[in-house]
PDB file of N, CA and C in Angstrom:
ATOM      1  N   UNK A   1       5.743 -30.768  34.834  1.00  0.00           N
ATOM      2  CA  UNK A   1       6.093 -29.829  35.822  1.00  0.00           C
ATOM      3  C   UNK A   1       7.353 -30.382  36.621  1.00  0.00           C
ATOM      4  N   UNK A   2       8.069 -29.562  36.920  1.00  0.00           N
ATOM      5  CA  UNK A   2       9.405 -30.027  37.936  1.00  0.00           C
ATOM      6  C   UNK A   2       9.375 -29.362  39.130  1.00  0.00           C
ATOM      7  N   UNK A   3       9.721 -29.755  40.251  1.00  0.00           N
ATOM      8  CA  UNK A   3      10.123 -29.177  41.380  1.00  0.00           C
ATOM      9  C   UNK A   3      11.343 -29.243  41.651  1.00  0.00           C
ATOM     10  N   UNK A   4      12.143 -28.364  42.091  1.00  0.00           N
ATOM     11  CA  UNK A   4      13.410 -28.607  42.770  1.00  0.00           C
ATOM     12  C   UNK A   4      13.849 -27.522  43.606  1.00  0.00           C
ATOM     13  N   UNK A   5      14.195 -28.129  44.810  1.00  0.00           N
ATOM     14  CA  UNK A   5      14.647 -27.325  46.139  1.00  0.00           C
ATOM     15  C   UNK A   5      16.464 -27.203  45.830  1.00  0.00           C
ATOM     16  N   UNK A   6      16.574 -25.923  46.028  1.00  0.00           N
ATOM     17  CA  UNK A   6      17.831 -25.579  45.852  1.00  0.00           C
ATOM     18  C   UNK A   6      18.248 -24.493  46.788  1.00  0.00           C
ATOM     19  N   UNK A   7      19.429 -24.247  47.177  1.00  0.00           N
ATOM     20  CA  UNK A   7      19.661 -23.127  47.884  1.00  0.00           C
ATOM     21  C   UNK A   7      19.457 -21.827  47.327  1.00  0.00           C
ATOM     22  N   UNK A   8      19.031 -20.779  47.827  1.00  0.00           N
ATOM     23  CA  UNK A   8      18.506 -19.462  47.266  1.00  0.00           C
ATOM     24  C   UNK A   8      19.536 -18.890  46.348  1.00  0.00           C
ATOM     25  N   UNK A   9      20.738 -18.950  46.665  1.00  0.00           N
ATOM     26  CA  UNK A   9      21.891 -18.525  45.594  1.00  0.00           C
ATOM     27  C   UNK A   9      22.259 -19.068  44.439  1.00  0.00           C
ATOM     28  N   UNK A  10      21.457 -20.386  44.255  1.00  0.00           N
ATOM     29  CA  UNK A  10      21.276 -21.292  43.024  1.00  0.00           C
ATOM     30  C   UNK A  10      20.455 -20.720  41.749  1.00  0.00           C
ATOM     31  N   UNK A  11      19.465 -20.043  42.405  1.00  0.00           N
ATOM     32  CA  UNK A  11      18.370 -19.577  41.755  1.00  0.00           C
ATOM     33  C   UNK A  11      18.701 -18.691  40.497  1.00  0.00           C
ATOM     34  N   UNK A  12      18.731 -18.822  39.393  1.00  0.00           N
ATOM     35  CA  UNK A  12      18.797 -17.960  38.427  1.00  0.00           C
ATOM     36  C   UNK A  12      18.078 -17.929  37.107  1.00  0.00           C
ATOM     37  N   UNK A  13      17.927 -17.134  36.241  1.00  0.00           N
ATOM     38  CA  UNK A  13      17.001 -16.834  35.226  1.00  0.00           C
ATOM     39  C   UNK A  13      17.271 -18.241  34.348  1.00  0.00           C
ATOM     40  N   UNK A  14      16.078 -18.932  33.915  1.00  0.00           N
ATOM     41  CA  UNK A  14      16.266 -19.973  33.014  1.00  0.00           C
ATOM     42  C   UNK A  14      15.602 -19.690  31.630  1.00  0.00           C
ATOM     43  N   UNK A  15      15.435 -20.479  30.830  1.00  0.00           N
ATOM     44  CA  UNK A  15      14.623 -20.252  29.628  1.00  0.00           C
ATOM     45  C   UNK A  15      13.010 -20.321  29.987  1.00  0.00           C
ATOM     46  N   UNK A  16      12.458 -19.273  29.726  1.00  0.00           N
ATOM     47  CA  UNK A  16      10.866 -19.075  29.939  1.00  0.00           C
ATOM     48  C   UNK A  16      10.525 -18.539  31.220  1.00  0.00           C
ATOM     49  N   UNK A  17      11.684 -17.833  31.995  1.00  0.00           N
ATOM     50  CA  UNK A  17      11.370 -17.378  33.405  1.00  0.00           C
ATOM     51  C   UNK A  17      12.335 -15.778  33.112  1.00  0.00           C
ATOM     52  N   UNK A  18      11.928 -14.847  33.721  1.00  0.00           N
ATOM     53  CA  UNK A  18      12.769 -13.780  33.860  1.00  0.00           C
ATOM     54  C   UNK A  18      13.385 -13.814  34.867  1.00  0.00           C
ATOM     55  N   UNK A  19      14.732 -13.003  35.122  1.00  0.00           N
ATOM     56  CA  UNK A  19      15.719 -13.048  36.324  1.00  0.00           C
ATOM     57  C   UNK A  19      15.003 -12.608  37.662  1.00  0.00           C
ATOM     58  N   UNK A  20      15.171 -12.831  38.795  1.00  0.00           N
ATOM     59  CA  UNK A  20      14.646 -12.419  39.815  1.00  0.00           C
ATOM     60  C   UNK A  20      15.287 -11.009  39.997  1.00  0.00           C
ATOM     61  N   UNK A  21      14.219  -9.756  40.375  1.00  0.00           N
ATOM     62  CA  UNK A  21      14.588  -8.304  40.086  1.00  0.00           C
ATOM     63  C   UNK A  21      15.022  -8.153  41.763  1.00  0.00           C
ATOM     64  N   UNK A  22      15.365  -6.988  41.995  1.00  0.00           N
ATOM     65  CA  UNK A  22      15.960  -6.733  43.401  1.00  0.00           C
ATOM     66  C   UNK A  22      14.678  -6.405  44.272  1.00  0.00           C
ATOM     67  N   UNK A  23      13.361  -5.952  43.616  1.00  0.00           N
ATOM     68  CA  UNK A  23      11.994  -5.896  44.341  1.00  0.00           C
ATOM     69  C   UNK A  23      11.837  -7.520  44.964  1.00  0.00           C
ATOM     70  N   UNK A  24      11.781  -8.650  43.637  1.00  0.00           N
ATOM     71  CA  UNK A  24      11.794  -9.839  44.136  1.00  0.00           C
ATOM     72  C   UNK A  24      12.344 -10.294  45.299  1.00  0.00           C
ATOM     73  N   UNK A  25      13.707 -10.065  45.504  1.00  0.00           N
ATOM     74  CA  UNK A  25      14.507 -10.274  46.428  1.00  0.00           C
ATOM     75  C   UNK A  25      14.373 -10.008  47.576  1.00  0.00           C
ATOM     76  N   UNK A  26      13.916  -8.421  47.635  1.00  0.00           N
ATOM     77  CA  UNK A  26      13.389  -7.572  49.000  1.00  0.00           C
ATOM     78  C   UNK A  26      12.159  -8.537  49.389  1.00  0.00           C
ATOM     79  N   UNK A  27      11.336  -9.069  48.502  1.00  0.00           N
ATOM     80  CA  UNK A  27      10.237  -9.709  48.944  1.00  0.00           C
ATOM     81  C   UNK A  27      10.390 -11.216  49.785  1.00  0.00           C
ATOM     82  N   UNK A  28      11.117 -11.894  49.203  1.00  0.00           N
ATOM     83  CA  UNK A  28      11.934 -13.143  49.730  1.00  0.00           C
ATOM     84  C   UNK A  28      12.633 -13.029  51.065  1.00  0.00           C
ATOM     85  N   UNK A  29      13.305 -11.778  51.047  1.00  0.00           N
ATOM     86  CA  UNK A  29      13.833 -11.507  52.356  1.00  0.00           C
ATOM     87  C   UNK A  29      12.978 -11.148  53.292  1.00  0.00           C
ATOM     88  N   UNK A  30      11.933 -10.754  53.004  1.00  0.00           N
ATOM     89  CA  UNK A  30      10.857 -10.567  54.126  1.00  0.00           C
ATOM     90  C   UNK A  30       9.762 -11.731  54.223  1.00  0.00           C
ATOM     91  N   UNK A  31      10.169 -12.887  53.796  1.00  0.00           N
ATOM     92  CA  UNK A  31       9.662 -14.076  53.965  1.00  0.00           C
ATOM     93  C   UNK A  31       8.294 -14.443  52.831  1.00  0.00           C
ATOM     94  N   UNK A  32       8.208 -13.496  52.109  1.00  0.00           N
ATOM     95  CA  UNK A  32       7.170 -14.026  50.971  1.00  0.00           C
ATOM     96  C   UNK A  32       7.714 -14.912  49.913  1.00  0.00           C
ATOM     97  N   UNK A  33       7.033 -15.587  49.235  1.00  0.00           N
ATOM     98  CA  UNK A  33       7.277 -16.409  48.217  1.00  0.00           C
ATOM     99  C   UNK A  33       7.051 -15.797  46.840  1.00  0.00           C
ATOM    100  N   UNK A  34       7.876 -15.501  46.074  1.00  0.00           N
ATOM    101  CA  UNK A  34       7.644 -14.967  44.677  1.00  0.00           C
ATOM    102  C   UNK A  34       7.538 -16.190  43.697  1.00  0.00           C
ATOM    103  N   UNK A  35       6.188 -16.058  42.991  1.00  0.00           N
ATOM    104  CA  UNK A  35       6.149 -16.963  41.879  1.00  0.00           C
ATOM    105  C   UNK A  35       6.111 -16.480  40.398  1.00  0.00           C
ATOM    106  N   UNK A  36       6.558 -17.146  39.628  1.00  0.00           N
ATOM    107  CA  UNK A  36       6.897 -16.730  38.233  1.00  0.00           C
ATOM    108  C   UNK A  36       6.150 -17.904  37.417  1.00  0.00           C
ATOM    109  N   UNK A  37       5.376 -17.278  36.218  1.00  0.00           N
ATOM    110  CA  UNK A  37       4.857 -18.433  35.307  1.00  0.00           C
ATOM    111  C   UNK A  37       5.608 -18.225  33.891  1.00  0.00           C
ATOM    112  N   UNK A  38       5.903 -19.561  33.612  1.00  0.00           N
ATOM    113  CA  UNK A  38       6.755 -19.403  32.370  1.00  0.00           C
ATOM    114  C   UNK A  38       5.954 -18.699  31.162  1.00  0.00           C
ATOM    115  N   UNK A  39       7.043 -17.683  30.828  1.00  0.00           N
ATOM    116  CA  UNK A  39       6.708 -16.925  29.497  1.00  0.00           C
ATOM    117  C   UNK A  39       6.676 -17.741  28.105  1.00  0.00           C
ATOM    118  N   UNK A  40       5.391 -18.072  27.668  1.00  0.00           N
ATOM    119  CA  UNK A  40       5.418 -18.982  26.543  1.00  0.00           C
ATOM    120  C   UNK A  40       4.078 -18.938  26.314  1.00  0.00           C
ATOM    121  N   UNK A  41       3.896 -19.207  24.881  1.00  0.00           N
ATOM    122  CA  UNK A  41       2.603 -19.370  24.218  1.00  0.00           C
ATOM    123  C   UNK A  41       1.648 -20.522  24.435  1.00  0.00           C
ATOM    124  N   UNK A  42       2.538 -21.597  25.007  1.00  0.00           N
ATOM    125  CA  UNK A  42       1.778 -22.822  25.063  1.00  0.00           C
ATOM    126  C   UNK A  42       0.689 -22.763  26.030  1.00  0.00           C
ATOM    127  N   UNK A  43      -0.336 -23.387  25.769  1.00  0.00           N
ATOM    128  CA  UNK A  43      -1.519 -23.358  26.912  1.00  0.00           C
ATOM    129  C   UNK A  43      -1.014 -24.030  28.250  1.00  0.00           C
ATOM    130  N   UNK A  44      -0.063 -24.950  28.104  1.00  0.00           N
ATOM    131  CA  UNK A  44       0.541 -25.357  29.497  1.00  0.00           C
ATOM    132  C   UNK A  44       1.363 -24.663  30.108  1.00  0.00           C
ATOM    133  N   UNK A  45       1.552 -24.366  31.207  1.00  0.00           N
ATOM    134  CA  UNK A  45       2.603 -23.311  31.805  1.00  0.00           C
ATOM    135  C   UNK A  45       3.439 -24.309  32.766  1.00  0.00           C
ATOM    136  N   UNK A  46       4.385 -23.935  32.779  1.00  0.00           N
ATOM    137  CA  UNK A  46       5.207 -24.022  33.992  1.00  0.00           C
ATOM    138  C   UNK A  46       5.225 -23.001  35.214  1.00  0.00           C
ATOM    139  N   UNK A  47       5.868 -23.268  36.359  1.00  0.00           N
ATOM    140  CA  UNK A  47       5.968 -22.027  37.203  1.00  0.00           C
ATOM    141  C   UNK A  47       7.248 -22.306  37.943  1.00  0.00           C
ATOM    142  N   UNK A  48       7.764 -21.303  38.504  1.00  0.00           N
ATOM    143  CA  UNK A  48       9.064 -21.181  39.468  1.00  0.00           C
ATOM    144  C   UNK A  48       8.339 -20.537  41.100  1.00  0.00           C
ATOM    145  N   UNK A  49       8.553 -21.138  42.071  1.00  0.00           N
ATOM    146  CA  UNK A  49       8.266 -20.398  43.204  1.00  0.00           C
ATOM    147  C   UNK A  49       9.630 -20.272  44.020  1.00  0.00           C
ATOM    148  N   UNK A  50       9.704 -19.309  44.092  1.00  0.00           N
ATOM    149  CA  UNK A  50      11.305 -18.732  44.963  1.00  0.00           C
ATOM    150  C   UNK A  50      11.012 -18.413  46.388  1.00  0.00           C
ATOM    151  N   UNK A  51      11.567 -18.838  47.730  1.00  0.00           N
ATOM    152  CA  UNK A  51      11.516 -18.285  48.906  1.00  0.00           C
ATOM    153  C   UNK A  51      12.521 -18.915  49.471  1.00  0.00           C
ATOM    154  N   UNK A  52      12.206 -18.394  50.666  1.00  0.00           N
ATOM    155  CA  UNK A  52      13.485 -19.166  51.591  1.00  0.00           C
ATOM    156  C   UNK A  52      12.835 -19.886  53.068  1.00  0.00           C
ATOM    157  N   UNK A  53      13.423 -21.019  53.337  1.00  0.00           N
ATOM    158  CA  UNK A  53      13.089 -21.729  54.262  1.00  0.00           C
ATOM    159  C   UNK A  53      14.048 -21.964  55.188  1.00  0.00           C
ATOM    160  N   UNK A  54      14.434 -21.671  56.478  1.00  0.00           N
ATOM    161  CA  UNK A  54      15.293 -21.892  57.444  1.00  0.00           C
ATOM    162  C   UNK A  54      15.097 -23.660  57.710  1.00  0.00           C
ATOM    163  N   UNK A  55      15.773 -24.299  56.645  1.00  0.00           N
ATOM    164  CA  UNK A  55      15.654 -25.829  56.983  1.00  0.00           C
ATOM    165  C   UNK A  55      16.850 -26.200  55.949  1.00  0.00           C
ATOM    166  N   UNK A  56      17.405 -27.650  56.034  1.00  0.00           N
ATOM    167  CA  UNK A  56      18.024 -28.045  54.762  1.00  0.00           C
ATOM    168  C   UNK A  56      17.083 -28.808  53.538  1.00  0.00           C
ATOM    169  N   UNK A  57      17.586 -28.707  52.497  1.00  0.00           N
ATOM    170  CA  UNK A  57      16.682 -28.860  51.518  1.00  0.00           C
ATOM    171  C   UNK A  57      16.103 -30.079  51.651  1.00  0.00           C
ATOM    172  N   UNK A  58      16.971 -31.310  52.150  1.00  0.00           N
ATOM    173  CA  UNK A  58      16.249 -32.479  52.204  1.00  0.00           C
ATOM    174  C   UNK A  58      15.046 -32.784  53.210  1.00  0.00           C
ATOM    175  N   UNK A  59      15.149 -31.857  54.382  1.00  0.00           N
ATOM    176  CA  UNK A  59      14.119 -31.596  55.380  1.00  0.00           C
ATOM    177  C   UNK A  59      12.553 -30.826  54.523  1.00  0.00           C
ATOM    178  N   UNK A  60      12.864 -29.886  53.846  1.00  0.00           N
ATOM    179  CA  UNK A  60      11.883 -29.422  52.942  1.00  0.00           C
ATOM    180  C   UNK A  60      11.345 -30.119  52.089  1.00  0.00           C
ATOM    181  N   UNK A  61      11.929 -30.939  51.571  1.00  0.00           N
ATOM    182  CA  UNK A  61      11.748 -32.091  50.361  1.00  0.00           C
ATOM    183  C   UNK A  61      10.861 -32.947  50.972  1.00  0.00           C
ATOM    184  N   UNK A  62      11.223 -33.428  52.388  1.00  0.00           N
ATOM    185  CA  UNK A  62      10.200 -34.368  53.077  1.00  0.00           C
ATOM    186  C   UNK A  62       9.006 -33.689  53.064  1.00  0.00           C
ATOM    187  N   UNK A  63       9.122 -32.623  53.577  1.00  0.00           N
ATOM    188  CA  UNK A  63       7.523 -31.986  53.897  1.00  0.00           C
ATOM    189  C   UNK A  63       6.850 -31.693  52.601  1.00  0.00           C
ATOM    190  N   UNK A  64       7.421 -31.305  51.632  1.00  0.00           N
ATOM    191  CA  UNK A  64       6.437 -30.935  50.314  1.00  0.00           C
ATOM    192  C   UNK A  64       6.317 -32.223  49.550  1.00  0.00           C
ATOM    193  N   UNK A  65       6.838 -33.296  49.830  1.00  0.00           N
ATOM    194  CA  UNK A  65       6.288 -34.645  49.229  1.00  0.00           C
ATOM    195  C   UNK A  65       5.569 -35.456  50.246  1.00  0.00           C
ATOM    196  N   UNK A  66       5.175 -35.029  51.268  1.00  0.00           N
ATOM    197  CA  UNK A  66       4.109 -35.495  52.163  1.00  0.00           C
ATOM    198  C   UNK A  66       2.671 -35.175  51.740  1.00  0.00           C
ATOM    199  N   UNK A  67       2.334 -35.944  50.549  1.00  0.00           N
ATOM    200  CA  UNK A  67       1.388 -35.539  49.987  1.00  0.00           C
ATOM    201  C   UNK A  67       0.019 -35.873  50.883  1.00  0.00           C
ATOM    202  N   UNK A  68       0.158 -36.769  51.815  1.00  0.00           N
ATOM    203  CA  UNK A  68      -0.879 -37.197  52.617  1.00  0.00           C
ATOM    204  C   UNK A  68      -1.319 -35.872  53.751  1.00  0.00           C
ATOM    205  N   UNK A  69      -0.224 -35.032  53.962  1.00  0.00           N
ATOM    206  CA  UNK A  69      -0.564 -33.971  54.390  1.00  0.00           C
ATOM    207  C   UNK A  69      -0.668 -32.629  53.741  1.00  0.00           C
ATOM    208  N   UNK A  70      -1.033 -32.703  52.815  1.00  0.00           N
ATOM    209  CA  UNK A  70      -1.075 -31.142  52.057  1.00  0.00           C
ATOM    210  C   UNK A  70      -2.183 -30.414  52.338  1.00  0.00           C
ATOM    211  N   UNK A  71      -3.633 -30.772  53.015  1.00  0.00           N
ATOM    212  CA  UNK A  71      -4.274 -30.187  53.458  1.00  0.00           C
ATOM    213  C   UNK A  71      -3.731 -29.054  54.749  1.00  0.00           C
ATOM    214  N   UNK A  72      -2.927 -29.645  55.394  1.00  0.00           N
ATOM    215  CA  UNK A  72      -2.154 -28.862  56.632  1.00  0.00           C
ATOM    216  C   UNK A  72      -1.324 -28.024  56.087  1.00  0.00           C
ATOM    217  N   UNK A  73      -1.013 -27.970  54.777  1.00  0.00           N
ATOM    218  CA  UNK A  73       0.345 -26.827  54.364  1.00  0.00           C
ATOM    219  C   UNK A  73      -0.478 -26.149  53.311  1.00  0.00           C
ATOM    220  N   UNK A  74      -1.351 -26.454  52.427  1.00  0.00           N
ATOM    221  CA  UNK A  74      -1.883 -25.482  51.476  1.00  0.00           C
ATOM    222  C   UNK A  74      -3.621 -25.420  51.463  1.00  0.00           C
ATOM    223  N   UNK A  75      -3.889 -24.873  50.896  1.00  0.00           N
ATOM    224  CA  UNK A  75      -5.239 -24.623  50.907  1.00  0.00           C
ATOM    225  C   UNK A  75      -6.146 -25.595  50.042  1.00  0.00           C
ATOM    226  N   UNK A  76      -6.314 -26.581  50.431  1.00  0.00           N
ATOM    227  CA  UNK A  76      -6.756 -27.638  49.632  1.00  0.00           C
ATOM    228  C   UNK A  76      -7.821 -28.553  50.804  1.00  0.00           C
ATOM    229  N   UNK A  77      -8.634 -29.216  50.303  1.00  0.00           N
ATOM    230  CA  UNK A  77      -9.564 -30.042  51.389  1.00  0.00           C
ATOM    231  C   UNK A  77      -9.237 -31.199  51.646  1.00  0.00           C
ATOM    232  N   UNK A  78      -8.506 -31.792  50.781  1.00  0.00           N
ATOM    233  CA  UNK A  78      -7.916 -33.189  51.142  1.00  0.00           C
ATOM    234  C   UNK A  78      -6.948 -33.656  49.925  1.00  0.00           C
ATOM    235  N   UNK A  79      -5.811 -34.428  50.404  1.00  0.00           N
ATOM    236  CA  UNK A  79      -5.216 -35.180  49.409  1.00  0.00           C
ATOM    237  C   UNK A  79      -4.847 -36.715  49.729  1.00  0.00           C
ATOM    238  N   UNK A  80      -4.405 -37.373  48.888  1.00  0.00           N
ATOM    239  CA  UNK A  80      -4.076 -38.669  49.324  1.00  0.00           C
ATOM    240  C   UNK A  80      -3.607 -39.314  48.103  1.00  0.00           C
ATOM    241  N   UNK A  81      -2.457 -40.322  48.350  1.00  0.00           N
ATOM    242  CA  UNK A  81      -2.008 -41.104  47.478  1.00  0.00           C
ATOM    243  C   UNK A  81      -2.812 -42.216  46.963  1.00  0.00           C
ATOM    244  N   UNK A  82      -3.371 -42.468  45.885  1.00  0.00           N
ATOM    245  CA  UNK A  82      -4.171 -43.511  45.305  1.00  0.00           C
ATOM    246  C   UNK A  82      -3.458 -44.667  44.798  1.00  0.00           C
ATOM    247  N   UNK A  83      -2.222 -44.541  44.371  1.00  0.00           N
ATOM    248  CA  UNK A  83      -1.582 -45.513  43.829  1.00  0.00           C
ATOM    249  C   UNK A  83      -0.207 -45.168  43.977  1.00  0.00           C
ATOM    250  N   UNK A  84       0.862 -46.167  44.214  1.00  0.00           N
ATOM    251  CA  UNK A  84       2.352 -46.076  44.473  1.00  0.00           C
ATOM    252  C   UNK A  84       2.937 -47.090  43.891  1.00  0.00           C
ATOM    253  N   UNK A  85       4.369 -46.709  43.223  1.00  0.00           N
ATOM    254  CA  UNK A  85       4.970 -47.956  42.497  1.00  0.00           C
ATOM    255  C   UNK A  85       6.173 -47.359  42.493  1.00  0.00           C
ATOM    256  N   UNK A  86       6.900 -47.679  43.708  1.00  0.00           N
ATOM    257  CA  UNK A  86       8.125 -47.359  44.128  1.00  0.00           C
ATOM    258  C   UNK A  86       8.269 -45.560  44.290  1.00  0.00           C
ATOM    259  N   UNK A  87       8.969 -45.111  43.163  1.00  0.00           N
ATOM    260  CA  UNK A  87       9.427 -43.361  43.478  1.00  0.00           C
ATOM    261  C   UNK A  87       8.219 -42.842  42.418  1.00  0.00           C
ATOM    262  N   UNK A  88       7.160 -43.868  41.976  1.00  0.00           N
ATOM    263  CA  UNK A  88       6.181 -43.220  40.785  1.00  0.00           C
ATOM    264  C   UNK A  88       4.700 -43.558  41.647  1.00  0.00           C
ATOM    265  N   UNK A  89       4.446 -42.255  41.820  1.00  0.00           N
ATOM    266  CA  UNK A  89       3.183 -42.093  42.690  1.00  0.00           C
ATOM    267  C   UNK A  89       1.944 -41.373  41.841  1.00  0.00           C
ATOM    268  N   UNK A  90       0.655 -41.427  42.233  1.00  0.00           N
ATOM    269  CA  UNK A  90      -0.530 -40.769  41.847  1.00  0.00           C
ATOM    270  C   UNK A  90      -1.157 -39.948  43.229  1.00  0.00           C
ATOM    271  N   UNK A  91      -1.506 -38.860  43.056  1.00  0.00           N
ATOM    272  CA  UNK A  91      -1.827 -38.254  44.261  1.00  0.00           C
ATOM    273  C   UNK A  91      -3.108 -37.458  43.721  1.00  0.00           C
ATOM    274  N   UNK A  92      -4.302 -37.819  44.505  1.00  0.00           N
ATOM    275  CA  UNK A  92      -5.834 -37.017  44.131  1.00  0.00           C
ATOM    276  C   UNK A  92      -5.775 -36.105  45.215  1.00  0.00           C
ATOM    277  N   UNK A  93      -6.484 -34.823  44.462  1.00  0.00           N
ATOM    278  CA  UNK A  93      -6.366 -33.670  45.605  1.00  0.00           C
ATOM    279  C   UNK A  93      -7.773 -33.156  45.430  1.00  0.00           C
ATOM    280  N   UNK A  94      -8.397 -32.507  46.243  1.00  0.00           N
ATOM    281  CA  UNK A  94      -9.678 -32.024  46.187  1.00  0.00           C
ATOM    282  C   UNK A  94      -9.586 -30.675  46.794  1.00  0.00           C
ATOM    283  N   UNK A  95     -10.132 -29.650  45.649  1.00  0.00           N
ATOM    284  CA  UNK A  95      -9.798 -28.232  46.256  1.00  0.00           C
ATOM    285  C   UNK A  95     -11.087 -27.649  46.513  1.00  0.00           C
ATOM    286  N   UNK A  96     -11.609 -26.836  47.188  1.00  0.00           N
ATOM    287  CA  UNK A  96     -12.500 -26.596  47.776  1.00  0.00           C
ATOM    288  C   UNK A  96     -12.718 -25.157  47.414  1.00  0.00           C
ATOM    289  N   UNK A  97     -13.741 -24.641  46.235  1.00  0.00           N
ATOM    290  CA  UNK A  97     -13.936 -23.378  45.672  1.00  0.00           C
ATOM    291  C   UNK A  97     -15.179 -22.926  46.121  1.00  0.00           C
ATOM    292  N   UNK A  98     -15.416 -21.590  46.300  1.00  0.00           N
ATOM    293  CA  UNK A  98     -16.608 -20.959  46.661  1.00  0.00           C
ATOM    294  C   UNK A  98     -17.993 -21.424  45.720  1.00  0.00           C
ATOM    295  N   UNK A  99     -18.986 -21.105  46.170  1.00  0.00           N
ATOM    296  CA  UNK A  99     -20.121 -21.111  45.224  1.00  0.00           C
ATOM    297  C   UNK A  99     -20.404 -20.366  44.304  1.00  0.00           C
ATOM    298  N   UNK A 100     -20.571 -20.560  43.183  1.00  0.00           N
ATOM    299  CA  UNK A 100     -21.299 -21.613  42.755  1.00  0.00           C
ATOM    300  C   UNK A 100     -20.560 -22.814  41.919  1.00  0.00           C
ATOM    301  N   UNK A 101     -19.273 -22.649  42.367  1.00  0.00           N
ATOM    302  CA  UNK A 101     -18.288 -23.658  41.568  1.00  0.00           C
ATOM    303  C   UNK A 101     -18.373 -24.874  42.386  1.00  0.00           C
ATOM    304  N   UNK A 102     -17.751 -24.854  43.532  1.00  0.00           N
ATOM    305  CA  UNK A 102     -18.061 -25.921  44.458  1.00  0.00           C
ATOM    306  C   UNK A 102     -16.452 -26.559  44.397  1.00  0.00           C
ATOM    307  N   UNK A 103     -16.465 -27.715  44.895  1.00  0.00           N
ATOM    308  CA  UNK A 103     -15.289 -28.721  44.855  1.00  0.00           C
ATOM    309  C   UNK A 103     -14.665 -29.178  43.619  1.00  0.00           C
ATOM    310  N   UNK A 104     -13.427 -28.999  43.486  1.00  0.00           N
ATOM    311  CA  UNK A 104     -13.003 -29.756  41.955  1.00  0.00           C
ATOM    312  C   UNK A 104     -11.740 -30.729  42.620  1.00  0.00           C
ATOM    313  N   UNK A 105     -11.295 -31.327  41.864  1.00  0.00           N
ATOM    314  CA  UNK A 105     -10.334 -32.258  42.139  1.00  0.00           C
ATOM    315  C   UNK A 105      -9.510 -32.665  41.115  1.00  0.00           C
ATOM    316  N   UNK A 106      -8.027 -33.062  41.307  1.00  0.00           N
ATOM    317  CA  UNK A 106      -7.159 -33.433  40.329  1.00  0.00           C
ATOM    318  C   UNK A 106      -6.388 -34.326  40.817  1.00  0.00           C
ATOM    319  N   UNK A 107      -5.565 -35.168  39.516  1.00  0.00           N
ATOM    320  CA  UNK A 107      -4.822 -36.338  40.011  1.00  0.00           C
ATOM    321  C   UNK A 107      -3.525 -35.987  39.400  1.00  0.00           C
ATOM    322  N   UNK A 108      -2.300 -36.005  40.299  1.00  0.00           N
ATOM    323  CA  UNK A 108      -1.181 -35.762  39.793  1.00  0.00           C
ATOM    324  C   UNK A 108      -0.241 -37.161  39.700  1.00  0.00           C
ATOM    325  N   UNK A 109       0.362 -37.213  38.527  1.00  0.00           N
ATOM    326  CA  UNK A 109       1.156 -38.219  38.147  1.00  0.00           C
ATOM    327  C   UNK A 109       2.381 -37.735  38.656  1.00  0.00           C
ATOM    328  N   UNK A 110       3.212 -38.261  39.838  1.00  0.00           N
ATOM    329  CA  UNK A 110       4.550 -37.819  40.483  1.00  0.00           C
ATOM    330  C   UNK A 110       5.443 -38.690  40.419  1.00  0.00           C
ATOM    331  N   UNK A 111       6.753 -38.269  40.150  1.00  0.00           N
ATOM    332  CA  UNK A 111       7.934 -38.964  40.014  1.00  0.00           C
ATOM    333  C   UNK A 111       9.068 -38.275  41.504  1.00  0.00           C
ATOM    334  N   UNK A 112       8.969 -38.834  42.343  1.00  0.00           N
ATOM    335  CA  UNK A 112       9.969 -38.726  43.341  1.00  0.00           C
ATOM    336  C   UNK A 112      11.723 -38.651  42.998  1.00  0.00           C
ATOM    337  N   UNK A 113      12.327 -38.095  43.321  1.00  0.00           N
ATOM    338  CA  UNK A 113      13.858 -38.089  42.951  1.00  0.00           C
ATOM    339  C   UNK A 113      14.687 -37.366  44.240  1.00  0.00           C
ATOM    340  N   UNK A 114      14.433 -38.113  44.977  1.00  0.00           N
ATOM    341  CA  UNK A 114      15.067 -37.291  46.567  1.00  0.00           C
ATOM    342  C   UNK A 114      16.519 -37.217  46.501  1.00  0.00           C
ATOM    343  N   UNK A 115      17.270 -38.222  45.587  1.00  0.00           N
ATOM    344  CA  UNK A 115      18.729 -38.028  45.668  1.00  0.00           C
ATOM    345  C   UNK A 115      19.172 -36.589  45.139  1.00  0.00           C
ATOM    346  N   UNK A 116      18.259 -35.722  44.382  1.00  0.00           N
ATOM    347  CA  UNK A 116      18.607 -34.614  43.854  1.00  0.00           C
ATOM    348  C   UNK A 116      17.361 -33.439  44.493  1.00  0.00           C
ATOM    349  N   UNK A 117      16.820 -33.883  45.629  1.00  0.00           N
ATOM    350  CA  UNK A 117      15.476 -32.967  45.975  1.00  0.00           C
ATOM    351  C   UNK A 117      14.531 -32.709  45.041  1.00  0.00           C
ATOM    352  N   UNK A 118      14.358 -33.239  44.000  1.00  0.00           N
ATOM    353  CA  UNK A 118      13.313 -33.044  42.940  1.00  0.00           C
ATOM    354  C   UNK A 118      12.262 -34.013  42.754  1.00  0.00           C
ATOM    355  N   UNK A 119      11.136 -33.291  42.250  1.00  0.00           N
ATOM    356  CA  UNK A 119      10.059 -34.110  41.900  1.00  0.00           C
ATOM    357  C   UNK A 119       9.470 -33.505  40.691  1.00  0.00           C
ATOM    358  N   UNK A 120       8.937 -34.491  40.022  1.00  0.00           N
ATOM    359  CA  UNK A 120       8.292 -34.158  38.559  1.00  0.00           C
ATOM    360  C   UNK A 120       6.931 -34.571  38.667  1.00  0.00           C
ATOM    361  N   UNK A 121       5.745 -33.871  38.156  1.00  0.00           N
ATOM    362  CA  UNK A 121       4.718 -34.279  38.383  1.00  0.00           C
ATOM    363  C   UNK A 121       3.803 -33.549  36.978  1.00  0.00           C
ATOM    364  N   UNK A 122       2.940 -34.301  36.692  1.00  0.00           N
ATOM    365  CA  UNK A 122       1.873 -33.965  35.814  1.00  0.00           C
ATOM    366  C   UNK A 122       0.274 -34.181  35.892  1.00  0.00           C
ATOM    367  N   UNK A 123      -0.543 -33.051  35.516  1.00  0.00           N
ATOM    368  CA  UNK A 123      -1.856 -33.433  36.008  1.00  0.00           C
ATOM    369  C   UNK A 123      -2.516 -34.387  35.170  1.00  0.00           C
ATOM    370  N   UNK A 124      -3.384 -35.130  35.391  1.00  0.00           N
ATOM    371  CA  UNK A 124      -4.220 -36.254  34.823  1.00  0.00           C
ATOM    372  C   UNK A 124      -5.645 -35.985  34.964  1.00  0.00           C
TER     373      UNK A 124
END
């Protein structure tokens, strides 16, 4: 999976994703985040989330790659970097789900690309 932070006007339809509709743009203009799941028969899907943040892409990138503070941004119990080798890191996150499921965890192998405000990750 690849995350890319770009100005809103640069978002366009790409393979596997439909174009943003007028209704999507209205939701984005109201401050909502529009999420699209890749249209593919593959079991593993990519997603695209589009929204507006009134900050430079570099500042948003710094926030969304501050994995140690993910619990402050997202609905998760815990996140921590368990291994780091330069721009390549492994992030362990714990998600609290209601009973009877309980807590679940995931480790993402992540590659940071700050020069292009991108990062790629793969669940392990």
